[in-house]
Amino acid sequence: MPENIVVIGLGSNLEPEVNIKRALDLLELKVKKIAVSNLEYTSPIGIADQPDFLNGAVLVHTCLSRKQLDIQLKAVEDEMGRDRSVPKFGPRIIDLDIIIWNNEVVDDDFYKRDFLRRAVEQVINI
């Protein structure tokens, strides 16, 4: 089965340095990590009364399908204790999203969030 080239966006605003590192470690158990962008602090979007987010991107190779990888990303979030009952733009232990799948942008946040675009561009040329 051919390897898929994927960029995953990651963000956290609850103990972000610890949780980003832990998420990367857990991801390495599921995919082959190739490169990690610089991490950038950003102001929260939507709900201002919360800590700043630490955001970045990781380039990985995987034989998983897109659906299988999405399931694995949710499993990592769940293992880390992500609370899915809080508002969409509320505090996050970790947020993992597929941004690029085989050189195709699959998450519109890439076009809306400068910090995400910068992180992606650090790890892949699209």
PDB file of N, CA and C in Angstrom:
ATOM      1  N   MET A   1       0.840  -1.182   0.000  1.00  0.00           N
ATOM      2  CA  MET A   1       0.000   0.000   0.000  1.00  0.00           C
ATOM      3  C   MET A   1       0.885   1.246   0.000  1.00  0.00           C
ATOM      4  N   PRO A   2       0.594   2.216  -0.875  1.00  0.00           N
ATOM      5  CA  PRO A   2       1.452   3.412  -0.945  1.00  0.00           C
ATOM      6  C   PRO A   2       1.291   4.296   0.284  1.00  0.00           C
ATOM      7  N   GLU A   3       2.352   5.027   0.573  1.00  0.00           N
ATOM      8  CA  GLU A   3       2.306   5.950   1.705  1.00  0.00           C
ATOM      9  C   GLU A   3       1.609   7.239   1.299  1.00  0.00           C
ATOM     10  N   ASN A   4       0.797   7.752   2.182  1.00  0.00           N
ATOM     11  CA  ASN A   4       0.164   9.045   1.999  1.00  0.00           C
ATOM     12  C   ASN A   4       1.010  10.092   2.702  1.00  0.00           C
ATOM     13  N   ILE A   5       1.096  11.263   2.093  1.00  0.00           N
ATOM     14  CA  ILE A   5       1.843  12.381   2.660  1.00  0.00           C
ATOM     15  C   ILE A   5       0.809  13.345   3.237  1.00  0.00           C
ATOM     16  N   VAL A   6       0.920  13.588   4.548  1.00  0.00           N
ATOM     17  CA  VAL A   6      -0.128  14.309   5.258  1.00  0.00           C
ATOM     18  C   VAL A   6       0.491  15.383   6.150  1.00  0.00           C
ATOM     19  N   VAL A   7      -0.177  16.527   6.214  1.00  0.00           N
ATOM     20  CA  VAL A   7       0.174  17.546   7.197  1.00  0.00           C
ATOM     21  C   VAL A   7      -0.982  17.656   8.175  1.00  0.00           C
ATOM     22  N   ILE A   8      -0.646  17.515   9.440  1.00  0.00           N
ATOM     23  CA  ILE A   8      -1.617  17.589  10.516  1.00  0.00           C
ATOM     24  C   ILE A   8      -1.381  18.887  11.280  1.00  0.00           C
ATOM     25  N   GLY A   9      -2.440  19.657  11.462  1.00  0.00           N
ATOM     26  CA  GLY A   9      -2.366  20.851  12.294  1.00  0.00           C
ATOM     27  C   GLY A   9      -2.577  20.456  13.739  1.00  0.00           C
ATOM     28  N   LEU A  10      -1.843  21.116  14.639  1.00  0.00           N
ATOM     29  CA  LEU A  10      -2.007  20.819  16.050  1.00  0.00           C
ATOM     30  C   LEU A  10      -2.050  22.103  16.847  1.00  0.00           C
ATOM     31  N   GLY A  11      -2.882  22.092  17.883  1.00  0.00           N
ATOM     32  CA  GLY A  11      -3.005  23.266  18.722  1.00  0.00           C
ATOM     33  C   GLY A  11      -3.444  22.883  20.120  1.00  0.00           C
ATOM     34  N   SER A  12      -3.056  23.716  21.085  1.00  0.00           N
ATOM     35  CA  SER A  12      -3.419  23.504  22.479  1.00  0.00           C
ATOM     36  C   SER A  12      -3.307  24.835  23.211  1.00  0.00           C
ATOM     37  N   ASN A  13      -4.215  25.030  24.182  1.00  0.00           N
ATOM     38  CA  ASN A  13      -4.039  26.196  25.048  1.00  0.00           C
ATOM     39  C   ASN A  13      -4.175  25.825  26.531  1.00  0.00           C
ATOM     40  N   LEU A  14      -4.100  24.551  26.818  1.00  0.00           N
ATOM     41  CA  LEU A  14      -4.060  24.059  28.195  1.00  0.00           C
ATOM     42  C   LEU A  14      -2.741  23.308  28.368  1.00  0.00           C
ATOM     43  N   GLU A  15      -1.830  23.884  29.146  1.00  0.00           N
ATOM     44  CA  GLU A  15      -0.469  23.348  29.249  1.00  0.00           C
ATOM     45  C   GLU A  15       0.060  22.997  27.858  1.00  0.00           C
ATOM     46  N   PRO A  16       0.079  23.971  26.951  1.00  0.00           N
ATOM     47  CA  PRO A  16       0.340  23.672  25.543  1.00  0.00           C
ATOM     48  C   PRO A  16       1.694  23.040  25.241  1.00  0.00           C
ATOM     49  N   GLU A  17       2.762  23.467  25.919  1.00  0.00           N
ATOM     50  CA  GLU A  17       4.073  22.882  25.612  1.00  0.00           C
ATOM     51  C   GLU A  17       4.070  21.386  25.932  1.00  0.00           C
ATOM     52  N   VAL A  18       3.502  21.039  27.070  1.00  0.00           N
ATOM     53  CA  VAL A  18       3.432  19.635  27.489  1.00  0.00           C
ATOM     54  C   VAL A  18       2.528  18.840  26.554  1.00  0.00           C
ATOM     55  N   ASN A  19       1.362  19.396  26.245  1.00  0.00           N
ATOM     56  CA  ASN A  19       0.389  18.649  25.461  1.00  0.00           C
ATOM     57  C   ASN A  19       0.765  18.518  23.986  1.00  0.00           C
ATOM     58  N   ILE A  20       1.404  19.513  23.414  1.00  0.00           N
ATOM     59  CA  ILE A  20       1.879  19.384  22.026  1.00  0.00           C
ATOM     60  C   ILE A  20       2.937  18.287  21.953  1.00  0.00           C
ATOM     61  N   LYS A  21       3.880  18.292  22.899  1.00  0.00           N
ATOM     62  CA  LYS A  21       4.920  17.255  22.899  1.00  0.00           C
ATOM     63  C   LYS A  21       4.300  15.873  23.061  1.00  0.00           C
ATOM     64  N   ARG A  22       3.356  15.748  23.986  1.00  0.00           N
ATOM     65  CA  ARG A  22       2.719  14.444  24.202  1.00  0.00           C
ATOM     66  C   ARG A  22       1.961  13.993  22.952  1.00  0.00           C
ATOM     67  N   ALA A  23       1.255  14.908  22.309  1.00  0.00           N
ATOM     68  CA  ALA A  23       0.525  14.561  21.083  1.00  0.00           C
ATOM     69  C   ALA A  23       1.480  14.082  20.000  1.00  0.00           C
ATOM     70  N   LEU A  24       2.605  14.763  19.851  1.00  0.00           N
ATOM     71  CA  LEU A  24       3.600  14.338  18.845  1.00  0.00           C
ATOM     72  C   LEU A  24       4.136  12.947  19.177  1.00  0.00           C
ATOM     73  N   ASP A  25       4.400  12.680  20.449  1.00  0.00           N
ATOM     74  CA  ASP A  25       4.878  11.357  20.863  1.00  0.00           C
ATOM     75  C   ASP A  25       3.835  10.282  20.559  1.00  0.00           C
ATOM     76  N   LEU A  26       2.568  10.561  20.851  1.00  0.00           N
ATOM     77  CA  LEU A  26       1.504   9.590  20.582  1.00  0.00           C
ATOM     78  C   LEU A  26       1.300   9.397  19.080  1.00  0.00           C
ATOM     79  N   LEU A  27       1.425  10.474  18.315  1.00  0.00           N
ATOM     80  CA  LEU A  27       1.296  10.353  16.856  1.00  0.00           C
ATOM     81  C   LEU A  27       2.369   9.456  16.267  1.00  0.00           C
ATOM     82  N   GLU A  28       3.575   9.549  16.826  1.00  0.00           N
ATOM     83  CA  GLU A  28       4.684   8.732  16.316  1.00  0.00           C
ATOM     84  C   GLU A  28       4.432   7.243  16.469  1.00  0.00           C
ATOM     85  N   LEU A  29       3.521   6.855  17.344  1.00  0.00           N
ATOM     86  CA  LEU A  29       3.161   5.455  17.493  1.00  0.00           C
ATOM     87  C   LEU A  29       2.233   4.995  16.370  1.00  0.00           C
ATOM     88  N   LYS A  30       1.676   5.944  15.615  1.00  0.00           N
ATOM     89  CA  LYS A  30       0.675   5.632  14.603  1.00  0.00           C
ATOM     90  C   LYS A  30       1.116   5.955  13.187  1.00  0.00           C
ATOM     91  N   VAL A  31       2.019   6.929  13.036  1.00  0.00           N
ATOM     92  CA  VAL A  31       2.471   7.391  11.723  1.00  0.00           C
ATOM     93  C   VAL A  31       3.968   7.666  11.778  1.00  0.00           C
ATOM     94  N   LYS A  32       4.554   7.860  10.610  1.00  0.00           N
ATOM     95  CA  LYS A  32       5.982   8.193  10.524  1.00  0.00           C
ATOM     96  C   LYS A  32       6.125   9.715  10.472  1.00  0.00           C
ATOM     97  N   LYS A  33       6.672  10.280  11.551  1.00  0.00           N
ATOM     98  CA  LYS A  33       6.857  11.733  11.634  1.00  0.00           C
ATOM     99  C   LYS A  33       8.065  12.130  10.799  1.00  0.00           C
ATOM    100  N   ILE A  34       7.873  13.109   9.918  1.00  0.00           N
ATOM    101  CA  ILE A  34       8.950  13.570   9.038  1.00  0.00           C
ATOM    102  C   ILE A  34       9.497  14.923   9.488  1.00  0.00           C
ATOM    103  N   ALA A  35       8.615  15.864   9.777  1.00  0.00           N
ATOM    104  CA  ALA A  35       9.053  17.212  10.150  1.00  0.00           C
ATOM    105  C   ALA A  35       7.980  17.881  10.994  1.00  0.00           C
ATOM    106  N   VAL A  36       8.435  18.772  11.888  1.00  0.00           N
ATOM    107  CA  VAL A  36       7.527  19.557  12.720  1.00  0.00           C
ATOM    108  C   VAL A  36       7.860  21.025  12.491  1.00  0.00           C
ATOM    109  N   SER A  37       6.837  21.838  12.313  1.00  0.00           N
ATOM    110  CA  SER A  37       7.040  23.271  12.129  1.00  0.00           C
ATOM    111  C   SER A  37       7.456  23.922  13.445  1.00  0.00           C
ATOM    112  N   ASN A  38       7.858  25.175  13.341  1.00  0.00           N
ATOM    113  CA  ASN A  38       7.993  25.980  14.543  1.00  0.00           C
ATOM    114  C   ASN A  38       6.603  26.110  15.153  1.00  0.00           C
ATOM    115  N   LEU A  39       6.566  26.268  16.458  1.00  0.00           N
ATOM    116  CA  LEU A  39       5.291  26.450  17.141  1.00  0.00           C
ATOM    117  C   LEU A  39       5.084  27.937  17.386  1.00  0.00           C
ATOM    118  N   GLU A  40       3.833  28.384  17.263  1.00  0.00           N
ATOM    119  CA  GLU A  40       3.529  29.810  17.350  1.00  0.00           C
ATOM    120  C   GLU A  40       2.342  30.039  18.275  1.00  0.00           C
ATOM    121  N   TYR A  41       2.501  30.972  19.207  1.00  0.00           N
ATOM    122  CA  TYR A  41       1.387  31.352  20.067  1.00  0.00           C
ATOM    123  C   TYR A  41       0.471  32.302  19.310  1.00  0.00           C
ATOM    124  N   THR A  42      -0.839  32.076  19.454  1.00  0.00           N
ATOM    125  CA  THR A  42      -1.834  32.936  18.822  1.00  0.00           C
ATOM    126  C   THR A  42      -2.940  33.240  19.827  1.00  0.00           C
ATOM    127  N   SER A  43      -3.582  34.381  19.624  1.00  0.00           N
ATOM    128  CA  SER A  43      -4.738  34.734  20.448  1.00  0.00           C
ATOM    129  C   SER A  43      -5.885  33.800  20.108  1.00  0.00           C
ATOM    130  N   PRO A  44      -6.731  33.501  21.087  1.00  0.00           N
ATOM    131  CA  PRO A  44      -7.875  32.628  20.825  1.00  0.00           C
ATOM    132  C   PRO A  44      -8.821  33.253  19.800  1.00  0.00           C
ATOM    133  N   ILE A  45      -9.491  32.397  19.064  1.00  0.00           N
ATOM    134  CA  ILE A  45     -10.479  32.814  18.069  1.00  0.00           C
ATOM    135  C   ILE A  45     -11.858  32.527  18.658  1.00  0.00           C
ATOM    136  N   GLY A  46     -12.752  33.487  18.582  1.00  0.00           N
ATOM    137  CA  GLY A  46     -14.126  33.252  19.026  1.00  0.00           C
ATOM    138  C   GLY A  46     -14.359  33.597  20.486  1.00  0.00           C
ATOM    139  N   ILE A  47     -13.725  32.882  21.381  1.00  0.00           N
ATOM    140  CA  ILE A  47     -13.887  33.117  22.821  1.00  0.00           C
ATOM    141  C   ILE A  47     -12.574  33.710  23.329  1.00  0.00           C
ATOM    142  N   ALA A  48     -12.583  35.012  23.592  1.00  0.00           N
ATOM    143  CA  ALA A  48     -11.343  35.711  23.931  1.00  0.00           C
ATOM    144  C   ALA A  48     -10.860  35.436  25.351  1.00  0.00           C
ATOM    145  N   ASP A  49     -11.762  35.115  26.257  1.00  0.00           N
ATOM    146  CA  ASP A  49     -11.408  34.962  27.668  1.00  0.00           C
ATOM    147  C   ASP A  49     -10.884  33.555  27.958  1.00  0.00           C
ATOM    148  N   GLN A  50      -9.710  33.263  27.408  1.00  0.00           N
ATOM    149  CA  GLN A  50      -9.035  31.984  27.628  1.00  0.00           C
ATOM    150  C   GLN A  50      -7.559  32.173  27.258  1.00  0.00           C
ATOM    151  N   PRO A  51      -6.698  31.235  27.665  1.00  0.00           N
ATOM    152  CA  PRO A  51      -5.276  31.378  27.345  1.00  0.00           C
ATOM    153  C   PRO A  51      -5.009  31.340  25.839  1.00  0.00           C
ATOM    154  N   ASP A  52      -3.873  31.920  25.449  1.00  0.00           N
ATOM    155  CA  ASP A  52      -3.440  31.842  24.049  1.00  0.00           C
ATOM    156  C   ASP A  52      -3.192  30.390  23.661  1.00  0.00           C
ATOM    157  N   PHE A  53      -3.299  30.127  22.370  1.00  0.00           N
ATOM    158  CA  PHE A  53      -3.046  28.801  21.826  1.00  0.00           C
ATOM    159  C   PHE A  53      -1.613  28.692  21.326  1.00  0.00           C
ATOM    160  N   LEU A  54      -1.055  27.507  21.410  1.00  0.00           N
ATOM    161  CA  LEU A  54       0.209  27.177  20.781  1.00  0.00           C
ATOM    162  C   LEU A  54      -0.149  26.281  19.599  1.00  0.00           C
ATOM    163  N   ASN A  55       0.276  26.693  18.396  1.00  0.00           N
ATOM    164  CA  ASN A  55      -0.112  26.008  17.170  1.00  0.00           C
ATOM    165  C   ASN A  55       1.102  25.625  16.346  1.00  0.00           C
ATOM    166  N   GLY A  56       0.936  24.599  15.533  1.00  0.00           N
ATOM    167  CA  GLY A  56       1.977  24.176  14.614  1.00  0.00           C
ATOM    168  C   GLY A  56       1.428  23.143  13.650  1.00  0.00           C
ATOM    169  N   ALA A  57       2.342  22.520  12.933  1.00  0.00           N
ATOM    170  CA  ALA A  57       1.967  21.487  11.969  1.00  0.00           C
ATOM    171  C   ALA A  57       3.045  20.420  11.964  1.00  0.00           C
ATOM    172  N   VAL A  58       2.621  19.207  11.641  1.00  0.00           N
ATOM    173  CA  VAL A  58       3.550  18.092  11.549  1.00  0.00           C
ATOM    174  C   VAL A  58       3.320  17.372  10.221  1.00  0.00           C
ATOM    175  N   LEU A  59       4.398  17.124   9.511  1.00  0.00           N
ATOM    176  CA  LEU A  59       4.358  16.364   8.263  1.00  0.00           C
ATOM    177  C   LEU A  59       4.585  14.904   8.602  1.00  0.00           C
ATOM    178  N   VAL A  60       3.675  14.043   8.135  1.00  0.00           N
ATOM    179  CA  VAL A  60       3.788  12.617   8.406  1.00  0.00           C
ATOM    180  C   VAL A  60       3.586  11.819   7.126  1.00  0.00           C
ATOM    181  N   HIS A  61       4.060  10.592   7.151  1.00  0.00           N
ATOM    182  CA  HIS A  61       3.769   9.606   6.114  1.00  0.00           C
ATOM    183  C   HIS A  61       2.991   8.491   6.782  1.00  0.00           C
ATOM    184  N   THR A  62       1.970   7.988   6.080  1.00  0.00           N
ATOM    185  CA  THR A  62       1.165   6.915   6.640  1.00  0.00           C
ATOM    186  C   THR A  62       0.557   6.063   5.536  1.00  0.00           C
ATOM    187  N   CYS A  63       0.371   4.805   5.825  1.00  0.00           N
ATOM    188  CA  CYS A  63      -0.349   3.905   4.925  1.00  0.00           C
ATOM    189  C   CYS A  63      -1.841   3.874   5.257  1.00  0.00           C
ATOM    190  N   LEU A  64      -2.231   4.552   6.321  1.00  0.00           N
ATOM    191  CA  LEU A  64      -3.638   4.620   6.682  1.00  0.00           C
ATOM    192  C   LEU A  64      -4.414   5.424   5.638  1.00  0.00           C
ATOM    193  N   SER A  65      -5.689   5.104   5.480  1.00  0.00           N
ATOM    194  CA  SER A  65      -6.558   5.937   4.651  1.00  0.00           C
ATOM    195  C   SER A  65      -6.856   7.223   5.412  1.00  0.00           C
ATOM    196  N   ARG A  66      -7.421   8.178   4.723  1.00  0.00           N
ATOM    197  CA  ARG A  66      -7.754   9.445   5.376  1.00  0.00           C
ATOM    198  C   ARG A  66      -8.745   9.210   6.514  1.00  0.00           C
ATOM    199  N   LYS A  67      -9.748   8.385   6.288  1.00  0.00           N
ATOM    200  CA  LYS A  67     -10.742   8.093   7.330  1.00  0.00           C
ATOM    201  C   LYS A  67     -10.084   7.392   8.521  1.00  0.00           C
ATOM    202  N   GLN A  68      -9.200   6.425   8.237  1.00  0.00           N
ATOM    203  CA  GLN A  68      -8.517   5.711   9.324  1.00  0.00           C
ATOM    204  C   GLN A  68      -7.640   6.666  10.133  1.00  0.00           C
ATOM    205  N   LEU A  69      -6.935   7.563   9.442  1.00  0.00           N
ATOM    206  CA  LEU A  69      -6.080   8.518  10.146  1.00  0.00           C
ATOM    207  C   LEU A  69      -6.925   9.460  10.995  1.00  0.00           C
ATOM    208  N   ASP A  70      -8.039   9.925  10.461  1.00  0.00           N
ATOM    209  CA  ASP A  70      -8.911  10.805  11.235  1.00  0.00           C
ATOM    210  C   ASP A  70      -9.381  10.107  12.511  1.00  0.00           C
ATOM    211  N   ILE A  71      -9.701   8.838  12.424  1.00  0.00           N
ATOM    212  CA  ILE A  71     -10.100   8.060  13.600  1.00  0.00           C
ATOM    213  C   ILE A  71      -8.943   7.993  14.598  1.00  0.00           C
ATOM    214  N   GLN A  72      -7.729   7.790  14.108  1.00  0.00           N
ATOM    215  CA  GLN A  72      -6.558   7.725  14.981  1.00  0.00           C
ATOM    216  C   GLN A  72      -6.284   9.072  15.653  1.00  0.00           C
ATOM    217  N   LEU A  73      -6.485  10.171  14.920  1.00  0.00           N
ATOM    218  CA  LEU A  73      -6.286  11.501  15.512  1.00  0.00           C
ATOM    219  C   LEU A  73      -7.295  11.737  16.637  1.00  0.00           C
ATOM    220  N   LYS A  74      -8.529  11.358  16.412  1.00  0.00           N
ATOM    221  CA  LYS A  74      -9.544  11.494  17.464  1.00  0.00           C
ATOM    222  C   LYS A  74      -9.207  10.602  18.662  1.00  0.00           C
ATOM    223  N   ALA A  75      -8.632   9.431  18.404  1.00  0.00           N
ATOM    224  CA  ALA A  75      -8.237   8.534  19.490  1.00  0.00           C
ATOM    225  C   ALA A  75      -7.129   9.176  20.335  1.00  0.00           C
ATOM    226  N   VAL A  76      -6.173   9.845  19.683  1.00  0.00           N
ATOM    227  CA  VAL A  76      -5.114  10.552  20.415  1.00  0.00           C
ATOM    228  C   VAL A  76      -5.730  11.665  21.257  1.00  0.00           C
ATOM    229  N   GLU A  77      -6.624  12.449  20.649  1.00  0.00           N
ATOM    230  CA  GLU A  77      -7.280  13.525  21.398  1.00  0.00           C
ATOM    231  C   GLU A  77      -8.012  12.954  22.618  1.00  0.00           C
ATOM    232  N   ASP A  78      -8.739  11.854  22.410  1.00  0.00           N
ATOM    233  CA  ASP A  78      -9.480  11.240  23.514  1.00  0.00           C
ATOM    234  C   ASP A  78      -8.540  10.717  24.594  1.00  0.00           C
ATOM    235  N   GLU A  79      -7.454  10.068  24.177  1.00  0.00           N
ATOM    236  CA  GLU A  79      -6.480   9.544  25.140  1.00  0.00           C
ATOM    237  C   GLU A  79      -5.886  10.667  25.990  1.00  0.00           C
ATOM    238  N   MET A  80      -5.743  11.831  25.387  1.00  0.00           N
ATOM    239  CA  MET A  80      -5.173  12.968  26.105  1.00  0.00           C
ATOM    240  C   MET A  80      -6.219  13.697  26.949  1.00  0.00           C
ATOM    241  N   GLY A  81      -7.484  13.287  26.853  1.00  0.00           N
ATOM    242  CA  GLY A  81      -8.518  13.867  27.696  1.00  0.00           C
ATOM    243  C   GLY A  81      -9.268  15.038  27.090  1.00  0.00           C
ATOM    244  N   ARG A  82      -9.298  15.130  25.769  1.00  0.00           N
ATOM    245  CA  ARG A  82     -10.035  16.235  25.142  1.00  0.00           C
ATOM    246  C   ARG A  82     -11.510  16.161  25.527  1.00  0.00           C
ATOM    247  N   ASP A  83     -12.035  17.310  25.927  1.00  0.00           N
ATOM    248  CA  ASP A  83     -13.441  17.429  26.311  1.00  0.00           C
ATOM    249  C   ASP A  83     -14.211  17.944  25.097  1.00  0.00           C
ATOM    250  N   ARG A  84     -15.024  17.086  24.499  1.00  0.00           N
ATOM    251  CA  ARG A  84     -15.773  17.465  23.298  1.00  0.00           C
ATOM    252  C   ARG A  84     -17.080  18.178  23.621  1.00  0.00           C
ATOM    253  N   SER A  85     -17.368  18.379  24.913  1.00  0.00           N
ATOM    254  CA  SER A  85     -18.618  19.042  25.298  1.00  0.00           C
ATOM    255  C   SER A  85     -18.469  20.562  25.374  1.00  0.00           C
ATOM    256  N   VAL A  86     -17.237  21.069  25.343  1.00  0.00           N
ATOM    257  CA  VAL A  86     -17.028  22.518  25.422  1.00  0.00           C
ATOM    258  C   VAL A  86     -17.273  23.148  24.056  1.00  0.00           C
ATOM    259  N   PRO A  87     -17.531  24.464  24.020  1.00  0.00           N
ATOM    260  CA  PRO A  87     -17.778  25.135  22.738  1.00  0.00           C
ATOM    261  C   PRO A  87     -16.629  24.928  21.752  1.00  0.00           C
ATOM    262  N   LYS A  88     -16.965  24.987  20.462  1.00  0.00           N
ATOM    263  CA  LYS A  88     -16.006  24.740  19.382  1.00  0.00           C
ATOM    264  C   LYS A  88     -14.718  25.553  19.531  1.00  0.00           C
ATOM    265  N   PHE A  89     -14.824  26.804  19.925  1.00  0.00           N
ATOM    266  CA  PHE A  89     -13.637  27.646  20.031  1.00  0.00           C
ATOM    267  C   PHE A  89     -13.173  27.807  21.477  1.00  0.00           C
ATOM    268  N   GLY A  90     -13.564  26.861  22.323  1.00  0.00           N
ATOM    269  CA  GLY A  90     -13.174  26.896  23.725  1.00  0.00           C
ATOM    270  C   GLY A  90     -11.795  26.302  23.943  1.00  0.00           C
ATOM    271  N   PRO A  91     -11.368  26.245  25.202  1.00  0.00           N
ATOM    272  CA  PRO A  91     -10.050  25.699  25.543  1.00  0.00           C
ATOM    273  C   PRO A  91      -9.902  24.253  25.068  1.00  0.00           C
ATOM    274  N   ARG A  92      -8.657  23.909  24.696  1.00  0.00           N
ATOM    275  CA  ARG A  92      -8.372  22.580  24.183  1.00  0.00           C
ATOM    276  C   ARG A  92      -7.089  22.030  24.789  1.00  0.00           C
ATOM    277  N   ILE A  93      -7.170  20.789  25.279  1.00  0.00           N
ATOM    278  CA  ILE A  93      -5.944  20.075  25.651  1.00  0.00           C
ATOM    279  C   ILE A  93      -5.134  19.837  24.388  1.00  0.00           C
ATOM    280  N   ILE A  94      -5.827  19.384  23.340  1.00  0.00           N
ATOM    281  CA  ILE A  94      -5.171  19.167  22.053  1.00  0.00           C
ATOM    282  C   ILE A  94      -6.233  19.186  20.966  1.00  0.00           C
ATOM    283  N   ASP A  95      -5.856  19.694  19.823  1.00  0.00           N
ATOM    284  CA  ASP A  95      -6.699  19.697  18.634  1.00  0.00           C
ATOM    285  C   ASP A  95      -5.824  19.233  17.479  1.00  0.00           C
ATOM    286  N   LEU A  96      -6.232  18.146  16.828  1.00  0.00           N
ATOM    287  CA  LEU A  96      -5.480  17.573  15.710  1.00  0.00           C
ATOM    288  C   LEU A  96      -6.393  17.504  14.493  1.00  0.00           C
ATOM    289  N   ASP A  97      -5.959  18.092  13.387  1.00  0.00           N
ATOM    290  CA  ASP A  97      -6.765  18.104  12.168  1.00  0.00           C
ATOM    291  C   ASP A  97      -5.894  17.846  10.948  1.00  0.00           C
ATOM    292  N   ILE A  98      -6.419  17.063  10.024  1.00  0.00           N
ATOM    293  CA  ILE A  98      -5.744  16.854   8.743  1.00  0.00           C
ATOM    294  C   ILE A  98      -5.930  18.132   7.926  1.00  0.00           C
ATOM    295  N   ILE A  99      -4.825  18.734   7.528  1.00  0.00           N
ATOM    296  CA  ILE A  99      -4.852  19.981   6.763  1.00  0.00           C
ATOM    297  C   ILE A  99      -4.528  19.709   5.293  1.00  0.00           C
ATOM    298  N   ILE A 100      -3.511  18.909   5.065  1.00  0.00           N
ATOM    299  CA  ILE A 100      -3.070  18.572   3.700  1.00  0.00           C
ATOM    300  C   ILE A 100      -3.075  17.055   3.565  1.00  0.00           C
ATOM    301  N   TRP A 101      -3.668  16.572   2.484  1.00  0.00           N
ATOM    302  CA  TRP A 101      -3.669  15.133   2.188  1.00  0.00           C
ATOM    303  C   TRP A 101      -3.092  14.972   0.788  1.00  0.00           C
ATOM    304  N   ASN A 102      -1.901  14.371   0.693  1.00  0.00           N
ATOM    305  CA  ASN A 102      -1.234  14.163  -0.602  1.00  0.00           C
ATOM    306  C   ASN A 102      -1.231  15.439  -1.445  1.00  0.00           C
ATOM    307  N   ASN A 103      -0.723  16.510  -0.846  1.00  0.00           N
ATOM    308  CA  ASN A 103      -0.539  17.816  -1.483  1.00  0.00           C
ATOM    309  C   ASN A 103      -1.824  18.546  -1.828  1.00  0.00           C
ATOM    310  N   GLU A 104      -2.951  18.107  -1.288  1.00  0.00           N
ATOM    311  CA  GLU A 104      -4.225  18.788  -1.505  1.00  0.00           C
ATOM    312  C   GLU A 104      -4.721  19.344  -0.173  1.00  0.00           C
ATOM    313  N   VAL A 105      -5.082  20.625  -0.178  1.00  0.00           N
ATOM    314  CA  VAL A 105      -5.645  21.237   1.020  1.00  0.00           C
ATOM    315  C   VAL A 105      -7.035  20.653   1.253  1.00  0.00           C
ATOM    316  N   VAL A 106      -7.245  20.086   2.448  1.00  0.00           N
ATOM    317  CA  VAL A 106      -8.530  19.461   2.768  1.00  0.00           C
ATOM    318  C   VAL A 106      -9.218  20.124   3.959  1.00  0.00           C
ATOM    319  N   ASP A 107      -8.630  21.160   4.497  1.00  0.00           N
ATOM    320  CA  ASP A 107      -9.234  21.902   5.609  1.00  0.00           C
ATOM    321  C   ASP A 107      -9.192  23.385   5.260  1.00  0.00           C
ATOM    322  N   ASP A 108     -10.379  24.008   5.163  1.00  0.00           N
ATOM    323  CA  ASP A 108     -10.466  25.415   4.770  1.00  0.00           C
ATOM    324  C   ASP A 108      -9.780  26.360   5.741  1.00  0.00           C
ATOM    325  N   ASP A 109      -9.511  25.916   6.979  1.00  0.00           N
ATOM    326  CA  ASP A 109      -8.784  26.776   7.920  1.00  0.00           C
ATOM    327  C   ASP A 109      -7.413  27.162   7.377  1.00  0.00           C
ATOM    328  N   PHE A 110      -6.862  26.359   6.486  1.00  0.00           N
ATOM    329  CA  PHE A 110      -5.581  26.689   5.859  1.00  0.00           C
ATOM    330  C   PHE A 110      -5.662  28.074   5.204  1.00  0.00           C
ATOM    331  N   TYR A 111      -6.788  28.381   4.584  1.00  0.00           N
ATOM    332  CA  TYR A 111      -6.954  29.654   3.880  1.00  0.00           C
ATOM    333  C   TYR A 111      -7.355  30.787   4.822  1.00  0.00           C
ATOM    334  N   LYS A 112      -7.888  30.455   5.995  1.00  0.00           N
ATOM    335  CA  LYS A 112      -8.405  31.467   6.924  1.00  0.00           C
ATOM    336  C   LYS A 112      -7.419  31.859   8.009  1.00  0.00           C
ATOM    337  N   ARG A 113      -6.457  31.014   8.313  1.00  0.00           N
ATOM    338  CA  ARG A 113      -5.573  31.216   9.466  1.00  0.00           C
ATOM    339  C   ARG A 113      -4.117  31.351   9.003  1.00  0.00           C
ATOM    340  N   ASP A 114      -3.600  32.577   9.087  1.00  0.00           N
ATOM    341  CA  ASP A 114      -2.217  32.826   8.644  1.00  0.00           C
ATOM    342  C   ASP A 114      -1.220  31.937   9.379  1.00  0.00           C
ATOM    343  N   PHE A 115      -1.408  31.778  10.707  1.00  0.00           N
ATOM    344  CA  PHE A 115      -0.466  30.979  11.487  1.00  0.00           C
ATOM    345  C   PHE A 115      -0.450  29.531  11.009  1.00  0.00           C
ATOM    346  N   LEU A 116      -1.584  29.019  10.588  1.00  0.00           N
ATOM    347  CA  LEU A 116      -1.652  27.635  10.092  1.00  0.00           C
ATOM    348  C   LEU A 116      -0.951  27.530   8.748  1.00  0.00           C
ATOM    349  N   ARG A 117      -1.170  28.492   7.892  1.00  0.00           N
ATOM    350  CA  ARG A 117      -0.510  28.501   6.585  1.00  0.00           C
ATOM    351  C   ARG A 117       1.010  28.568   6.749  1.00  0.00           C
ATOM    352  N   ARG A 118       1.478  29.416   7.666  1.00  0.00           N
ATOM    353  CA  ARG A 118       2.931  29.507   7.901  1.00  0.00           C
ATOM    354  C   ARG A 118       3.486  28.180   8.380  1.00  0.00           C
ATOM    355  N   ALA A 119       2.783  27.529   9.297  1.00  0.00           N
ATOM    356  CA  ALA A 119       3.260  26.241   9.834  1.00  0.00           C
ATOM    357  C   ALA A 119       3.298  25.189   8.741  1.00  0.00           C
ATOM    358  N   VAL A 120       2.258  25.113   7.943  1.00  0.00           N
ATOM    359  CA  VAL A 120       2.205  24.122   6.859  1.00  0.00           C
ATOM    360  C   VAL A 120       3.336  24.371   5.861  1.00  0.00           C
ATOM    361  N   GLU A 121       3.527  25.629   5.498  1.00  0.00           N
ATOM    362  CA  GLU A 121       4.559  25.959   4.513  1.00  0.00           C
ATOM    363  C   GLU A 121       5.961  25.633   5.006  1.00  0.00           C
ATOM    364  N   GLN A 122       6.149  25.581   6.320  1.00  0.00           N
ATOM    365  CA  GLN A 122       7.464  25.200   6.856  1.00  0.00           C
ATOM    366  C   GLN A 122       7.772  23.725   6.628  1.00  0.00           C
ATOM    367  N   VAL A 123       6.734  22.893   6.558  1.00  0.00           N
ATOM    368  CA  VAL A 123       6.981  21.454   6.476  1.00  0.00           C
ATOM    369  C   VAL A 123       6.728  20.858   5.099  1.00  0.00           C
ATOM    370  N   ILE A 124       6.080  21.617   4.202  1.00  0.00           N
ATOM    371  CA  ILE A 124       5.790  21.056   2.874  1.00  0.00           C
ATOM    372  C   ILE A 124       5.659  22.197   1.869  1.00  0.00           C
ATOM    373  N   ASN A 125       6.046  21.931   0.664  1.00  0.00           N
ATOM    374  CA  ASN A 125       5.855  22.897  -0.424  1.00  0.00           C
ATOM    375  C   ASN A 125       4.598  22.513  -1.186  1.00  0.00           C
ATOM    376  N   ILE A 126       3.615  23.420  -1.186  1.00  0.00           N
ATOM    377  CA  ILE A 126       2.366  23.109  -1.905  1.00  0.00           C
ATOM    378  C   ILE A 126       2.101  24.142  -2.979  1.00  0.00           C
TER     379      ILE A 126
END
